[in-house]
């Protein structure tokens, strides 16, 4: 047996297994020095990411994009839905949705919908029962040769409720604005319409939502929407410029029935941009009423003046009639005083009367007398018609009321309105034994006069050839009846239904107030408990009838 050398170079080789262990020890120490710290850092980073993921406010699912099978889920989703990771393992995301939402989810997972631009709302189960709306966004990515999708679901219950509440508030405010009887219009600095309420939209013939195009830009100008208020644009621009509220009074414009008047209030909108709103109120009725009041005051003054003039005319008229009567008496040969005077002067009364008859002087004097009597009767009618303070009802012969109204009408001539009763053929048709009526005489005279004037005006405006009015009196259905019929233009059904409405008129502006027939209706129906009727057709004339009670009511007499 050889002795082992002490020279290291001559040492026997090591066992292979021992050598392998040594090499593995060296590799492990090397790996611990280089790889393990990096691995530990990665693992710590993953733990932090997992913590962030589990504590995120949104529900997060990792699913297979092709099948929708859930591969991971965060703690927020588990708590929100009241489930565990074990229960969710291997389940599919579409199983959590409400029926009918599977196709929409499949489209999201295939990337067919860009959820970053348009989020989609689904319904997910809620812990304890029920469901909640969730806005879902997806991101599809590839990992380990697989297509995975990260699905983030955000609870939007509060947001949707806020949107509903906002929509309710907006709808409430919009209903208030649309319910306003005023016209409401808003404009910007370019006079483009930004707001219209329902009333203004209907008046302008556009939809309340038609003032903006698809891009949300205003598309209609104020001049296109309300062209009949030319003063409005400048006032709106001035308000936007200085920020002061403005009020415009009695602007003339148009309405559903023709000409109209408006009051406009303009106020700025302090929203950091140039805008203003105008509230437009139709004051046509008020303007017409003011005109009627002015006309009434004028007529009262004219009536008082006419009554005073009638009193003043009565005195000289009485002197004229008395003088004419005295002249005729002084020519008479039958009076002893005339014969005595003729004898004293040597005058032959027979020769004188022959001369007077030959020159028709007595007939002239009688004509003057008749004219004076007629003038006296007219003055008397005017005085009676002017006495409006006496509103006592009495039993009066209907024929007397018609006679007085006709006398007033025949002596009326209106140069401006171009009608003259002297050029109208008037026919009376009276039933025998005309009844008396229980009425205020002056009011019924006014009714008949208004009917006569209305007929004459209609025929004059239409240029009726040979105008004629027929006045019929009689009784029907236990009431006294007066009918005034003309051969004028007549009226269609739409006009006939409105003839008794206050301020309704078919005449041009300035030619009528539209109160004549409404006064007729008020006096007959409201004051006398009577009836009013109209019979008319285009081209066939018009007949308006009134019916009045013939007898006083039982008990104490009533005041009209």
Protein backbone atom coordinates (compact mmCIF):
# COMPACT_ATOMS: atom_id res chain seq x y z
CA UNK A 1 0.00 0.00 0.00
CA UNK A 2 1.35 3.31 -1.11
CA UNK A 3 1.86 6.01 1.22
CA UNK A 4 -0.05 9.23 0.47
CA UNK A 5 2.14 12.09 -0.52
CA UNK A 6 2.10 15.23 1.48
CA UNK A 7 2.22 17.30 -1.71
CA UNK A 8 -1.12 18.84 -2.35
CA UNK A 9 -0.71 18.50 -6.04
CA UNK A 10 -0.53 14.83 -5.53
CA UNK A 11 -3.77 14.65 -3.43
CA UNK A 12 -6.36 12.03 -4.44
CA UNK A 13 -9.48 13.37 -6.39
CA UNK A 14 -12.71 14.16 -4.46
CA UNK A 15 -15.82 12.07 -4.55
CA UNK A 16 -18.18 13.24 -7.42
CA UNK A 17 -21.17 13.46 -5.12
CA UNK A 18 -19.25 15.61 -2.71
CA UNK A 19 -18.13 17.81 -5.55
CA UNK A 20 -21.77 18.20 -6.77
CA UNK A 21 -22.92 19.21 -3.29
CA UNK A 22 -20.21 21.80 -3.14
CA UNK A 23 -21.22 23.21 -6.54
CA UNK A 24 -24.91 23.32 -5.60
CA UNK A 25 -24.05 25.13 -2.39
CA UNK A 26 -22.09 27.66 -4.37
CA UNK A 27 -25.08 28.15 -6.81
CA UNK A 28 -27.59 28.53 -4.01
CA UNK A 29 -25.47 31.13 -2.34
CA UNK A 30 -25.14 32.91 -5.66
CA UNK A 31 -28.91 32.79 -6.29
CA UNK A 32 -29.61 34.08 -2.80
CA UNK A 33 -27.29 36.97 -3.47
CA UNK A 34 -28.82 37.94 -6.88
CA UNK A 35 -32.36 36.48 -7.48
CA UNK A 36 -34.09 36.20 -4.13
CA UNK A 37 -34.06 39.96 -3.28
CA UNK A 38 -35.61 40.77 -6.68
CA UNK A 39 -38.21 38.04 -6.22
CA UNK A 40 -39.01 39.28 -2.73
CA UNK A 41 -39.43 42.83 -4.07
CA UNK A 42 -41.74 41.58 -6.79
CA UNK A 43 -43.79 39.65 -4.28
CA UNK A 44 -44.04 42.66 -1.98
CA UNK A 45 -45.13 44.76 -4.96
CA UNK A 46 -47.78 42.20 -5.80
CA UNK A 47 -49.00 42.21 -2.22
CA UNK A 48 -49.28 46.00 -2.26
CA UNK A 49 -51.12 45.84 -5.59
CA UNK A 50 -53.45 43.21 -4.21
CA UNK A 51 -54.14 45.36 -1.14
CA UNK A 52 -54.94 48.35 -3.35
CA UNK A 53 -57.10 46.16 -5.57
CA UNK A 54 -59.07 44.73 -2.67
CA UNK A 55 -59.60 48.16 -1.09
CA UNK A 56 -60.63 49.94 -4.27
CA UNK A 57 -64.05 51.59 -4.15
CA UNK A 58 -65.07 49.94 -7.43
CA UNK A 59 -65.95 46.29 -7.93
CA UNK A 60 -63.20 44.61 -9.98
CA UNK A 61 -63.51 41.30 -11.85
CA UNK A 62 -60.89 39.51 -13.92
CA UNK A 63 -62.64 37.26 -16.42
CA UNK A 64 -61.83 35.21 -19.47
CA UNK A 65 -62.77 37.39 -22.43
CA UNK A 66 -64.15 34.55 -24.55
CA UNK A 67 -66.32 32.82 -21.91
CA UNK A 68 -66.81 35.41 -19.18
CA UNK A 69 -65.64 32.96 -16.49
CA UNK A 70 -64.43 34.81 -13.39
CA UNK A 71 -60.78 34.14 -12.58
CA UNK A 72 -60.33 36.74 -9.86
CA UNK A 73 -62.40 39.25 -7.88
CA UNK A 74 -61.56 41.94 -5.36
CA UNK A 75 -62.77 42.16 -1.76
CA UNK A 76 -64.95 45.21 -2.49
CA UNK A 77 -67.01 43.14 -4.93
CA UNK A 78 -67.28 40.28 -2.43
CA UNK A 79 -68.49 42.60 0.34
CA UNK A 80 -70.88 44.52 -1.92
CA UNK A 81 -72.53 41.39 -3.25
CA UNK A 82 -72.35 39.45 0.08
CA UNK A 83 -70.41 36.44 -1.25
CA UNK A 84 -67.01 34.71 -0.87
CA UNK A 85 -64.12 33.98 -3.19
CA UNK A 86 -64.83 30.26 -2.93
CA UNK A 87 -68.48 30.80 -4.00
CA UNK A 88 -67.41 32.89 -6.95
CA UNK A 89 -64.69 30.51 -8.12
CA UNK A 90 -65.53 29.13 -11.55
CA UNK A 91 -68.74 31.15 -11.95
CA UNK A 92 -69.52 33.36 -14.93
CA UNK A 93 -69.98 37.12 -14.82
CA UNK A 94 -73.12 37.10 -16.95
CA UNK A 95 -74.80 34.91 -14.28
CA UNK A 96 -74.72 37.92 -11.95
CA UNK A 97 -76.59 40.20 -14.37
CA UNK A 98 -80.29 40.72 -14.85
CA UNK A 99 -81.95 38.74 -17.66
CA UNK A 100 -81.44 40.27 -21.08
CA UNK A 101 -78.05 41.86 -20.34
CA UNK A 102 -75.90 38.93 -21.46
CA UNK A 103 -75.52 40.11 -25.07
CA UNK A 104 -74.45 43.59 -23.99
CA UNK A 105 -71.82 42.07 -21.69
CA UNK A 106 -70.51 39.83 -24.46
CA UNK A 107 -70.09 42.87 -26.69
CA UNK A 108 -68.11 44.62 -23.96
CA UNK A 109 -65.81 41.63 -23.43
CA UNK A 110 -65.14 41.37 -27.18
CA UNK A 111 -64.17 45.05 -27.21
CA UNK A 112 -67.04 46.05 -29.48
CA UNK A 113 -67.99 49.00 -27.22
CA UNK A 114 -65.56 51.70 -26.10
CA UNK A 115 -66.60 51.99 -22.45
CA UNK A 116 -64.17 54.85 -21.89
CA UNK A 117 -66.39 56.99 -24.10
CA UNK A 118 -69.81 55.54 -23.29
CA UNK A 119 -70.23 53.66 -20.04
CA UNK A 120 -72.86 50.93 -19.85
CA UNK A 121 -75.04 50.40 -16.77
CA UNK A 122 -75.87 46.86 -15.62
CA UNK A 123 -77.69 45.43 -12.61
CA UNK A 124 -75.71 43.44 -10.02
CA UNK A 125 -76.86 41.59 -6.87
CA UNK A 126 -76.66 43.38 -3.54
CA UNK A 127 -75.80 41.82 -0.19
CA UNK A 128 -78.94 41.15 1.81
CA UNK A 129 -81.13 41.03 -1.29
CA UNK A 130 -82.06 43.35 -4.08
CA UNK A 131 -79.91 44.72 -6.85
CA UNK A 132 -78.02 47.93 -7.59
CA UNK A 133 -77.10 49.71 -10.84
CA UNK A 134 -73.44 49.53 -11.78
CA UNK A 135 -71.61 51.41 -14.51
CA UNK A 136 -69.20 48.95 -16.15
CA UNK A 137 -66.00 49.66 -18.03
CA UNK A 138 -63.73 46.96 -19.48
CA UNK A 139 -60.12 46.60 -20.59
CA UNK A 140 -59.15 43.54 -22.62
CA UNK A 141 -55.52 42.34 -22.42
CA UNK A 142 -53.47 39.28 -23.40
CA UNK A 143 -51.61 37.25 -20.77
CA UNK A 144 -49.97 33.80 -21.05
CA UNK A 145 -51.50 33.27 -24.47
CA UNK A 146 -54.93 33.98 -22.96
CA UNK A 147 -57.33 36.88 -23.54
CA UNK A 148 -58.45 38.30 -20.21
CA UNK A 149 -60.70 41.22 -19.44
CA UNK A 150 -60.56 43.49 -16.41
CA UNK A 151 -64.13 44.55 -15.62
CA UNK A 152 -64.63 47.51 -13.29
CA UNK A 153 -68.16 48.11 -11.93
CA UNK A 154 -69.02 51.34 -10.13
CA UNK A 155 -72.18 51.71 -8.02
CA UNK A 156 -74.11 54.62 -9.60
CA UNK A 157 -77.21 54.47 -7.39
CA UNK A 158 -76.57 57.90 -5.87
CA UNK A 159 -75.70 59.43 -9.23
CA UNK A 160 -78.81 58.05 -10.92
CA UNK A 161 -80.98 59.26 -8.05
CA UNK A 162 -79.37 62.69 -8.35
CA UNK A 163 -80.04 62.66 -12.08
CA UNK A 164 -83.67 61.68 -11.47
CA UNK A 165 -84.04 64.40 -8.86
CA UNK A 166 -82.44 66.89 -11.22
CA UNK A 167 -84.77 65.76 -14.01
CA UNK A 168 -87.77 66.09 -11.68
CA UNK A 169 -86.64 69.56 -10.62
CA UNK A 170 -86.05 70.59 -14.22
CA UNK A 171 -89.39 69.16 -15.25
CA UNK A 172 -91.10 70.99 -12.39
CA UNK A 173 -89.46 74.27 -13.35
CA UNK A 174 -90.23 73.66 -17.00
CA UNK A 175 -93.88 72.96 -16.20
CA UNK A 176 -94.05 76.24 -14.27
CA UNK A 177 -92.49 78.12 -17.18
CA UNK A 178 -94.78 76.43 -19.70
CA UNK A 179 -97.84 77.06 -17.54
CA UNK A 180 -97.18 80.80 -17.51
CA UNK A 181 -99.79 82.72 -19.52
CA UNK A 182 -96.97 85.04 -20.58
CA UNK A 183 -94.72 84.46 -23.57
CA UNK A 184 -91.15 83.74 -22.38
CA UNK A 185 -88.15 83.92 -24.73
CA UNK A 186 -84.42 83.89 -23.95
CA UNK A 187 -81.63 84.99 -26.30
CA UNK A 188 -77.84 85.22 -26.33
CA UNK A 189 -75.64 88.09 -27.48
CA UNK A 190 -76.16 87.06 -31.12
CA UNK A 191 -79.95 87.24 -30.64
CA UNK A 192 -80.16 83.47 -31.08
CA UNK A 193 -83.08 81.95 -29.19
CA UNK A 194 -82.00 79.79 -26.25
CA UNK A 195 -85.34 79.37 -24.47
CA UNK A 196 -89.00 79.28 -25.43
CA UNK A 197 -91.89 78.38 -23.18
CA UNK A 198 -94.83 76.42 -24.57
CA UNK A 199 -97.05 79.48 -25.01
CA UNK A 200 -94.41 81.38 -26.96
CA UNK A 201 -93.53 78.31 -29.05
CA UNK A 202 -97.18 77.83 -29.97
CA UNK A 203 -97.50 81.50 -30.88
CA UNK A 204 -94.34 81.34 -33.01
CA UNK A 205 -95.33 78.05 -34.62
CA UNK A 206 -92.20 76.14 -33.48
CA UNK A 207 -91.49 73.44 -30.93
CA UNK A 208 -90.15 74.46 -27.53
CA UNK A 209 -87.17 72.14 -28.09
CA UNK A 210 -86.53 73.19 -31.69
CA UNK A 211 -84.35 76.18 -30.85
CA UNK A 212 -81.13 74.10 -30.68
CA UNK A 213 -79.54 71.85 -33.26
CA UNK A 214 -77.92 68.41 -32.73
CA UNK A 215 -74.66 70.00 -31.53
CA UNK A 216 -76.46 71.99 -28.88
CA UNK A 217 -75.96 75.27 -30.73
CA UNK A 218 -78.78 77.70 -31.09
CA UNK A 219 -80.20 77.64 -34.56
CA UNK A 220 -83.05 80.20 -34.67
CA UNK A 221 -82.85 83.95 -34.55
CA UNK A 222 -85.27 86.08 -32.56
CA UNK A 223 -86.31 87.82 -35.77
CA UNK A 224 -87.41 84.44 -37.15
CA UNK A 225 -89.38 83.46 -34.06
CA UNK A 226 -91.04 86.78 -33.18
CA UNK A 227 -90.85 88.95 -36.30
CA UNK A 228 -93.93 90.97 -35.27
CA UNK A 229 -92.12 92.67 -32.35
CA UNK A 230 -89.42 94.73 -34.13
CA UNK A 231 -88.68 96.83 -31.01
CA UNK A 232 -87.67 93.77 -28.97
CA UNK A 233 -84.15 92.94 -30.35
CA UNK A 234 -82.65 96.37 -29.57
CA UNK A 235 -84.11 96.38 -26.07
CA UNK A 236 -82.64 92.92 -25.39
CA UNK A 237 -79.19 93.99 -26.61
CA UNK A 238 -79.32 97.13 -24.45
CA UNK A 239 -80.24 95.03 -21.40
CA UNK A 240 -77.34 92.62 -22.01
CA UNK A 241 -75.03 95.60 -22.43
CA UNK A 242 -75.89 97.57 -19.27
CA UNK A 243 -77.53 94.85 -17.13
CA UNK A 244 -80.62 96.93 -16.38
CA UNK A 245 -84.17 95.61 -16.41
CA UNK A 246 -86.42 97.24 -19.00
CA UNK A 247 -90.18 97.50 -19.47
CA UNK A 248 -91.83 98.26 -22.80
CA UNK A 249 -95.49 99.24 -22.81
CA UNK A 250 -98.20 98.61 -25.40
CA UNK A 251 -96.09 97.20 -28.21
CA UNK A 252 -98.32 96.47 -31.17
CA UNK A 253 -98.10 92.98 -32.61
CA UNK A 254 -100.29 90.10 -33.65
CA UNK A 255 -102.38 87.57 -31.77
CA UNK A 256 -104.53 84.53 -32.55
CA UNK A 257 -107.43 86.80 -33.47
CA UNK A 258 -105.48 89.49 -35.33
CA UNK A 259 -103.96 92.71 -33.99
CA UNK A 260 -102.81 92.64 -30.37
CA UNK A 261 -100.85 94.70 -27.84
CA UNK A 262 -98.13 93.51 -25.47
CA UNK A 263 -96.24 94.66 -22.37
CA UNK A 264 -92.65 93.38 -22.34
CA UNK A 265 -90.34 93.03 -19.32
CA UNK A 266 -86.68 92.31 -20.13
CA UNK A 267 -84.12 91.23 -17.53
CA UNK A 268 -80.50 90.00 -17.83
CA UNK A 269 -79.23 86.56 -16.84
CA UNK A 270 -76.16 86.86 -14.60
CA UNK A 271 -74.50 83.58 -15.54
CA UNK A 272 -71.12 84.81 -16.76
CA UNK A 273 -72.33 85.14 -20.35
CA UNK A 274 -74.35 87.58 -22.37
CA UNK A 275 -77.97 86.40 -22.20
CA UNK A 276 -81.32 88.00 -21.47
CA UNK A 277 -84.93 86.88 -21.09
CA UNK A 278 -88.09 88.72 -22.16
CA UNK A 279 -91.50 88.15 -20.59
CA UNK A 280 -94.23 89.19 -23.00
CA UNK A 281 -97.77 89.72 -21.67
CA UNK A 282 -100.81 90.10 -23.89
CA UNK A 283 -102.61 93.25 -22.73
CA UNK A 284 -104.98 93.51 -25.69
CA UNK A 285 -108.08 93.23 -23.52
CA UNK A 286 -106.80 95.94 -21.20
CA UNK A 287 -105.93 98.24 -24.10
CA UNK A 288 -109.33 97.69 -25.70
CA UNK A 289 -111.02 98.26 -22.35
CA UNK A 290 -109.09 101.50 -21.90
CA UNK A 291 -110.20 102.55 -25.36
CA UNK A 292 -113.78 101.63 -24.52
CA UNK A 293 -113.57 103.60 -21.28
CA UNK A 294 -112.20 106.56 -23.17
CA UNK A 295 -114.96 106.19 -25.74
CA UNK A 296 -117.51 105.82 -22.96
CA UNK A 297 -116.27 108.98 -21.29
CA UNK A 298 -116.45 110.72 -24.64
CA UNK A 299 -119.96 109.44 -25.28
CA UNK A 300 -121.05 110.47 -21.79
CA UNK A 301 -119.74 113.94 -22.54
CA UNK A 302 -121.44 113.92 -25.91
CA UNK A 303 -124.64 112.65 -24.30
CA UNK A 304 -124.56 115.40 -21.72
CA UNK A 305 -123.84 117.92 -24.45
CA UNK A 306 -126.64 116.53 -26.59
CA UNK A 307 -129.07 116.72 -23.69
CA UNK A 308 -128.05 120.31 -23.02
CA UNK A 309 -128.34 121.21 -26.67
CA UNK A 310 -131.72 119.51 -26.87
CA UNK A 311 -132.93 121.63 -23.97
CA UNK A 312 -131.57 124.75 -25.63
CA UNK A 313 -133.06 123.80 -29.01
CA UNK A 314 -136.46 123.17 -27.45
CA UNK A 315 -136.94 126.85 -26.56
CA UNK A 316 -136.40 128.41 -30.03
CA UNK A 317 -138.13 125.41 -31.61
CA UNK A 318 -141.19 126.02 -29.47
CA UNK A 319 -141.09 129.67 -30.55
CA UNK A 320 -140.88 128.67 -34.22
CA UNK A 321 -143.82 126.26 -33.94
CA UNK A 322 -145.85 128.81 -32.03
CA UNK A 323 -145.01 131.51 -34.57
CA UNK A 324 -145.96 129.32 -37.57
CA UNK A 325 -149.22 128.37 -35.89
CA UNK A 326 -149.96 132.05 -35.19
CA UNK A 327 -149.22 133.02 -38.83
CA UNK A 328 -151.60 130.37 -40.14
CA UNK A 329 -154.28 131.56 -37.70
CA UNK A 330 -153.81 135.21 -38.73
CA UNK A 331 -154.55 134.32 -42.37
CA UNK A 332 -157.80 132.56 -41.53
CA UNK A 333 -160.95 134.57 -42.59
CA UNK A 334 -162.99 132.68 -39.98
CA UNK A 335 -161.53 134.52 -36.99
CA UNK A 336 -163.43 137.72 -36.03
CA UNK A 337 -160.20 139.47 -35.09
CA UNK A 338 -158.81 138.87 -38.60
CA UNK A 339 -161.97 140.22 -40.25
CA UNK A 340 -161.95 143.30 -38.02
CA UNK A 341 -158.31 144.04 -38.83
CA UNK A 342 -158.93 143.58 -42.56
CA UNK A 343 -161.96 145.94 -42.42
CA UNK A 344 -159.92 148.60 -40.63
CA UNK A 345 -157.21 148.43 -43.30
CA UNK A 346 -159.53 148.05 -46.27
CA UNK A 347 -158.13 144.57 -47.11
CA UNK A 348 -160.22 141.95 -48.87
CA UNK A 349 -159.42 138.69 -47.05
CA UNK A 350 -160.79 136.58 -49.92
CA UNK A 351 -158.46 138.23 -52.42
CA UNK A 352 -155.54 137.89 -50.01
CA UNK A 353 -156.18 134.20 -49.39
CA UNK A 354 -156.55 133.60 -53.10
CA UNK A 355 -153.13 135.17 -53.61
CA UNK A 356 -151.62 133.12 -50.77
CA UNK A 357 -153.06 129.89 -52.11
CA UNK A 358 -151.82 130.71 -55.59
CA UNK A 359 -148.29 131.19 -54.21
CA UNK A 360 -148.63 128.09 -51.97
CA UNK A 361 -147.70 130.04 -48.89
CA UNK A 362 -150.04 128.14 -46.52
CA UNK A 363 -148.59 124.78 -47.65
CA UNK A 364 -145.10 126.12 -47.07
CA UNK A 365 -146.04 127.22 -43.59
CA UNK A 366 -147.61 123.84 -42.86
CA UNK A 367 -144.40 122.16 -44.09
CA UNK A 368 -142.39 124.32 -41.72
CA UNK A 369 -144.78 123.33 -38.95
CA UNK A 370 -144.47 119.60 -39.72
CA UNK A 371 -140.66 119.83 -39.80
CA UNK A 372 -140.70 121.65 -36.48
CA UNK A 373 -142.94 119.00 -34.95
CA UNK A 374 -140.63 116.27 -36.28
CA UNK A 375 -137.59 118.07 -34.90
CA UNK A 376 -139.35 118.43 -31.56
CA UNK A 377 -140.08 114.69 -31.49
CA UNK A 378 -136.41 113.91 -32.26
CA UNK A 379 -135.27 116.22 -29.46
CA UNK A 380 -137.72 114.51 -27.13
CA UNK A 381 -136.35 111.07 -28.05
CA UNK A 382 -132.80 112.24 -27.48
CA UNK A 383 -133.71 113.56 -24.08
CA UNK A 384 -135.42 110.31 -23.11
CA UNK A 385 -132.52 108.21 -24.44
CA UNK A 386 -130.04 110.34 -22.48
CA UNK A 387 -131.80 109.79 -19.16
CA UNK A 388 -129.83 106.66 -18.14
CA UNK A 389 -130.28 107.22 -14.43
CA UNK A 390 -133.86 105.98 -14.53
CA UNK A 391 -133.49 102.19 -14.66
CA UNK A 392 -136.99 101.35 -13.47
CA UNK A 393 -138.78 98.58 -15.31
CA UNK A 394 -142.29 99.18 -16.54
CA UNK A 395 -144.96 97.63 -18.72
CA UNK A 396 -144.42 99.27 -22.14
CA UNK A 397 -145.97 98.71 -25.57
CA UNK A 398 -143.46 97.02 -27.83
CA UNK A 399 -144.55 99.08 -30.84
CA UNK A 400 -143.66 102.32 -29.03
CA UNK A 401 -140.13 101.11 -28.32
CA UNK A 402 -139.63 100.09 -31.95
CA UNK A 403 -141.01 103.42 -33.18
CA UNK A 404 -138.63 105.46 -31.05
CA UNK A 405 -135.62 103.32 -32.01
CA UNK A 406 -136.48 103.68 -35.71
CA UNK A 407 -136.85 107.45 -35.39
CA UNK A 408 -133.42 107.68 -33.76
CA UNK A 409 -131.90 105.39 -36.41
CA UNK A 410 -133.46 107.16 -39.41
CA UNK A 411 -132.06 110.48 -38.22
CA UNK A 412 -128.54 109.10 -37.75
CA UNK A 413 -125.99 109.58 -40.51
CA UNK A 414 -122.38 108.44 -40.17
CA UNK A 415 -120.19 110.02 -42.86
CA UNK A 416 -117.02 108.22 -41.74
CA UNK A 417 -118.60 104.77 -41.80
CA UNK A 418 -120.55 105.63 -44.95
CA UNK A 419 -123.94 104.39 -43.93
CA UNK A 420 -127.15 106.39 -44.00
CA UNK A 421 -130.51 104.98 -42.96
CA UNK A 422 -132.14 107.33 -45.47
CA UNK A 423 -130.67 105.08 -48.19
CA UNK A 424 -131.88 101.87 -46.53
CA UNK A 425 -135.36 100.55 -47.24
CA UNK A 426 -136.92 99.80 -43.85
CA UNK A 427 -140.01 97.60 -43.64
CA UNK A 428 -142.16 97.07 -40.56
CA UNK A 429 -144.04 93.80 -40.10
CA UNK A 430 -146.12 93.98 -36.92
CA UNK A 431 -148.36 91.27 -35.63
CA UNK A 432 -151.90 92.35 -34.63
CA UNK A 433 -152.46 93.07 -30.97
CA UNK A 434 -148.76 93.61 -30.22
CA UNK A 435 -147.94 92.67 -26.64
CA UNK A 436 -146.51 94.94 -23.98
CA UNK A 437 -143.20 94.01 -22.37
CA UNK A 438 -141.79 94.29 -18.87
CA UNK A 439 -138.53 96.18 -19.41
CA UNK A 440 -136.37 99.27 -18.96
CA UNK A 441 -137.61 101.27 -21.97
CA UNK A 442 -134.35 103.11 -22.73
CA UNK A 443 -132.35 99.85 -22.61
CA UNK A 444 -134.65 98.07 -25.06
CA UNK A 445 -134.52 101.11 -27.35
CA UNK A 446 -130.73 100.87 -27.23
CA UNK A 447 -130.90 97.15 -28.09
CA UNK A 448 -133.09 97.73 -31.15
CA UNK A 449 -130.97 100.71 -32.22
CA UNK A 450 -127.78 98.62 -31.94
CA UNK A 451 -129.33 95.89 -34.09
CA UNK A 452 -130.36 98.43 -36.73
CA UNK A 453 -126.93 100.08 -36.77
CA UNK A 454 -125.15 96.72 -36.94
CA UNK A 455 -127.24 95.71 -39.97
CA UNK A 456 -126.67 99.06 -41.72
CA UNK A 457 -122.91 98.96 -41.11
CA UNK A 458 -122.61 95.38 -42.40
CA UNK A 459 -124.48 96.21 -45.61
CA UNK A 460 -122.51 99.42 -46.16
CA UNK A 461 -119.17 97.61 -45.64
CA UNK A 462 -120.16 94.87 -48.11
CA UNK A 463 -121.53 97.34 -50.67
CA UNK A 464 -124.95 95.71 -50.68
CA UNK A 465 -127.05 96.83 -53.63
CA UNK A 466 -130.47 98.11 -52.55
CA UNK A 467 -129.92 97.56 -48.82
CA UNK A 468 -133.05 96.66 -46.90
CA UNK A 469 -133.95 96.00 -43.27
CA UNK A 470 -137.11 94.28 -42.09
CA UNK A 471 -138.24 94.75 -38.49
CA UNK A 472 -140.72 92.14 -37.30
CA UNK A 473 -142.58 92.20 -34.00
CA UNK A 474 -144.83 89.63 -32.42
CA UNK A 475 -144.68 86.92 -29.82
CA UNK A 476 -143.37 83.37 -29.63
CA UNK A 477 -143.15 80.78 -26.87
CA UNK A 478 -144.87 83.10 -24.42
CA UNK A 479 -142.45 85.98 -24.95
CA UNK A 480 -142.50 89.21 -26.98
CA UNK A 481 -140.24 89.01 -30.00
CA UNK A 482 -138.41 91.60 -32.13
CA UNK A 483 -136.43 90.46 -35.18
CA UNK A 484 -134.16 92.68 -37.29
CA UNK A 485 -133.29 91.09 -40.65
CA UNK A 486 -131.05 92.52 -43.38
CA UNK A 487 -130.10 91.45 -46.91
CA UNK A 488 -126.39 91.98 -46.28
CA UNK A 489 -123.40 89.65 -46.70
CA UNK A 490 -124.34 87.25 -43.90
CA UNK A 491 -121.75 85.33 -41.89
CA UNK A 492 -120.29 81.84 -41.67
CA UNK A 493 -120.61 79.47 -38.72
CA UNK A 494 -117.31 80.48 -37.08
CA UNK A 495 -118.32 84.16 -37.02
CA UNK A 496 -121.92 83.44 -36.04
CA UNK A 497 -120.77 81.56 -32.93
CA UNK A 498 -118.75 84.57 -31.70
CA UNK A 499 -120.90 87.59 -32.59
CA UNK A 500 -121.92 88.19 -28.97
CA UNK A 501 -118.37 87.93 -27.56
CA UNK A 502 -117.04 91.21 -26.12
CA UNK A 503 -114.50 92.91 -28.41
CA UNK A 504 -115.08 90.46 -31.26
CA UNK A 505 -115.47 92.32 -34.55
CA UNK A 506 -115.01 91.61 -38.24
CA UNK A 507 -114.41 95.28 -38.98
CA UNK A 508 -110.99 96.72 -39.65
CA UNK A 509 -108.91 98.22 -36.82
CA UNK A 510 -110.38 101.53 -35.71
CA UNK A 511 -113.81 100.93 -37.24
CA UNK A 512 -115.45 99.10 -34.35
CA UNK A 513 -115.02 98.10 -30.73
CA UNK A 514 -116.89 94.80 -30.96
CA UNK A 515 -119.22 95.78 -28.12
CA UNK A 516 -122.50 96.51 -29.94
CA UNK A 517 -123.91 92.99 -29.98
CA UNK A 518 -122.32 92.06 -26.65
CA UNK A 519 -124.27 94.96 -25.11
CA UNK A 520 -127.41 93.56 -26.78
CA UNK A 521 -126.76 90.16 -25.21
CA UNK A 522 -126.06 91.65 -21.78
CA UNK A 523 -129.18 93.81 -21.70
CA UNK A 524 -131.56 91.14 -23.03
CA UNK A 525 -130.21 88.05 -21.23
CA UNK A 526 -128.66 89.43 -18.05
CA UNK A 527 -130.85 92.44 -17.36
CA UNK A 528 -134.21 91.22 -18.68
CA UNK A 529 -133.94 87.39 -18.48
CA UNK A 530 -134.70 87.18 -22.19
CA UNK A 531 -133.17 85.32 -25.11
CA UNK A 532 -131.10 86.22 -28.17
CA UNK A 533 -130.84 84.26 -31.43
CA UNK A 534 -128.99 84.58 -34.74
CA UNK A 535 -129.90 83.17 -38.13
CA UNK A 536 -127.39 83.73 -40.93
CA UNK A 537 -125.49 82.19 -43.82
CA UNK A 538 -122.89 83.62 -46.20
CA UNK A 539 -124.59 85.64 -48.94
CA UNK A 540 -128.07 85.20 -47.42
CA UNK A 541 -128.24 88.07 -44.96
CA UNK A 542 -128.59 88.01 -41.18
CA UNK A 543 -131.54 87.96 -38.81
CA UNK A 544 -131.05 88.67 -35.10
CA UNK A 545 -134.00 88.22 -32.78
CA UNK A 546 -134.59 89.15 -29.15
CA UNK A 547 -137.27 87.78 -26.84
CA UNK A 548 -138.47 89.63 -23.76
CA UNK A 549 -140.86 88.71 -20.92
CA UNK A 550 -144.30 90.15 -21.49
CA UNK A 551 -145.43 90.45 -17.88
CA UNK A 552 -143.94 91.64 -14.62
CA UNK A 553 -142.82 88.89 -12.23
CA UNK A 554 -144.97 88.05 -9.26
CA UNK A 555 -144.30 90.01 -6.11
CA UNK A 556 -142.73 93.47 -5.77
CA UNK A 557 -141.44 94.95 -9.00
CA UNK A 558 -137.75 94.45 -9.53
CA UNK A 559 -135.18 96.96 -10.59
CA UNK A 560 -133.22 96.28 -13.78
